[in-house]
Amino acid sequence: MPQSTHDRAAELHNIAAHAHSAAAASHGQGSLTAHELSRQAHEHSTRAFEESRKAAEEHGEPEPADK
């Protein structure tokens, strides 16, 4: 069964949150991989945002105003 756009966006947000937590823990330990984990977390967040935007567009919801 195909995943709905909203479900995919939620999944990506959860993945991003986990990646941010892992990066934060690595930063606290001085890990050399902390930068890479932060980069991956940012990529997950960006994909989650794009998927959320796609879901909103499919349902005719207006885009939020930028800061």
Protein backbone atom coordinates (compact mmCIF):
# COMPACT_ATOMS: atom_id res chain seq x y z
CA MET A 1 0.00 0.00 0.00
CA PRO A 2 1.51 3.37 -0.97
CA GLN A 3 2.32 5.76 1.81
CA SER A 4 0.36 9.02 1.94
CA THR A 5 2.26 12.25 1.51
CA HIS A 6 1.39 13.26 5.07
CA ASP A 7 2.67 9.94 6.45
CA ARG A 8 5.91 10.27 4.47
CA ALA A 9 6.41 13.83 5.74
CA ALA A 10 5.84 12.70 9.33
CA GLU A 11 8.30 9.84 8.88
CA LEU A 12 10.94 12.23 7.50
CA HIS A 13 10.41 14.63 10.40
CA ASN A 14 10.97 11.74 12.83
CA ILE A 15 14.13 10.67 11.00
CA ALA A 16 15.41 14.24 11.09
CA ALA A 17 14.70 14.56 14.81
CA HIS A 18 16.60 11.34 15.49
CA ALA A 19 19.53 12.50 13.35
CA HIS A 20 19.65 15.82 15.21
CA SER A 21 19.71 13.97 18.55
CA ALA A 22 22.52 11.71 17.37
CA ALA A 23 24.51 14.70 16.12
CA ALA A 24 24.03 16.53 19.43
CA ALA A 25 25.25 13.50 21.37
CA SER A 26 28.29 13.20 19.11
CA HIS A 27 29.11 16.88 19.49
CA GLY A 28 29.14 16.40 23.25
CA GLN A 29 31.68 13.61 22.87
CA GLY A 30 33.91 15.50 20.47
CA SER A 31 33.32 12.89 17.79
CA LEU A 32 34.82 13.49 14.37
CA THR A 33 31.58 12.24 12.86
CA ALA A 34 29.50 14.92 14.57
CA HIS A 35 29.78 17.26 11.58
CA GLU A 36 28.66 14.50 9.22
CA LEU A 37 25.73 13.62 11.48
CA SER A 38 24.72 17.30 11.57
CA ARG A 39 24.90 17.46 7.78
CA GLN A 40 22.71 14.36 7.48
CA ALA A 41 20.24 15.76 9.99
CA HIS A 42 19.99 18.94 7.95
CA GLU A 43 19.38 16.94 4.77
CA HIS A 44 16.61 14.94 6.49
CA SER A 45 15.04 18.15 7.75
CA THR A 46 15.12 19.66 4.28
CA ARG A 47 13.50 16.58 2.75
CA ALA A 48 10.85 16.56 5.48
CA PHE A 49 10.08 20.22 4.82
CA GLU A 50 9.75 19.63 1.08
CA GLU A 51 7.48 16.62 1.64
CA SER A 52 5.32 18.69 4.02
CA ARG A 53 5.10 21.45 1.43
CA LYS A 54 4.08 18.89 -1.20
CA ALA A 55 1.36 17.50 1.09
CA ALA A 56 0.03 20.99 1.74
CA GLU A 57 -0.05 21.79 -1.99
CA GLU A 58 -1.95 18.58 -2.71
CA HIS A 59 -4.63 19.67 -0.25
CA GLY A 60 -4.78 23.27 -1.43
CA GLU A 61 -3.34 24.69 1.76
CA PRO A 62 -1.55 28.03 1.40
CA GLU A 63 2.21 28.18 1.84
CA PRO A 64 3.35 29.75 5.11
CA ALA A 65 4.88 33.21 4.79
CA ASP A 66 8.64 33.39 5.08
CA LYS A 67 10.18 35.26 7.98
